[in-house]
Amino acid sequence: PHEYTTLDLSNNTVWIPQGEAYGGVTDRHLIVSRANILDTLDIFPTLFQQRDEQLQDWIAVGTPESILKRVWTSKGLNVRRMKRVMFTCATPLDTSRWKRAKGEVPGVPGLLKKYESEYDQTQQNCPTL
């Protein structure tokens, strides 16, 4: 189960699920306080306020997750990780370019697992699914 009501949101804390960080923080799911929601979602102003050299350095790192981590760090947000209780899925018609879905989700015809590791972690944390 998603235990978001038990998470401590004080001290500018942003909760994200474990895994799929790619050198930064996952950009697929977050839990944050009302006071910090705009800081977590409003990424571009922080990027555009960087000097050109600094911005190029941030972009050169290469992943959206690593840039997101730098932005959140610059805003004083504290990232904590929670157990993964969700996974990304797709249909056979999915056209996203990052990762092709494969492997059917048991019991759900036509639904595919996008990231096998997310599915495996979810199964460990939610064994009744």
Foldseek 3Di string as FASTA:
>chain_A
DDPLVPDDQPQQEKEDAPDPQLQARDPPDIDHDPVCPCQLVVQVVLLVVDDPVVNVVLCVVPDPRSSSRVSCVVVRHHYDHDQQQDFDKDFCPDDDDPFHFDDADPPDPRITGGDVVSVVSNCVVPVVD
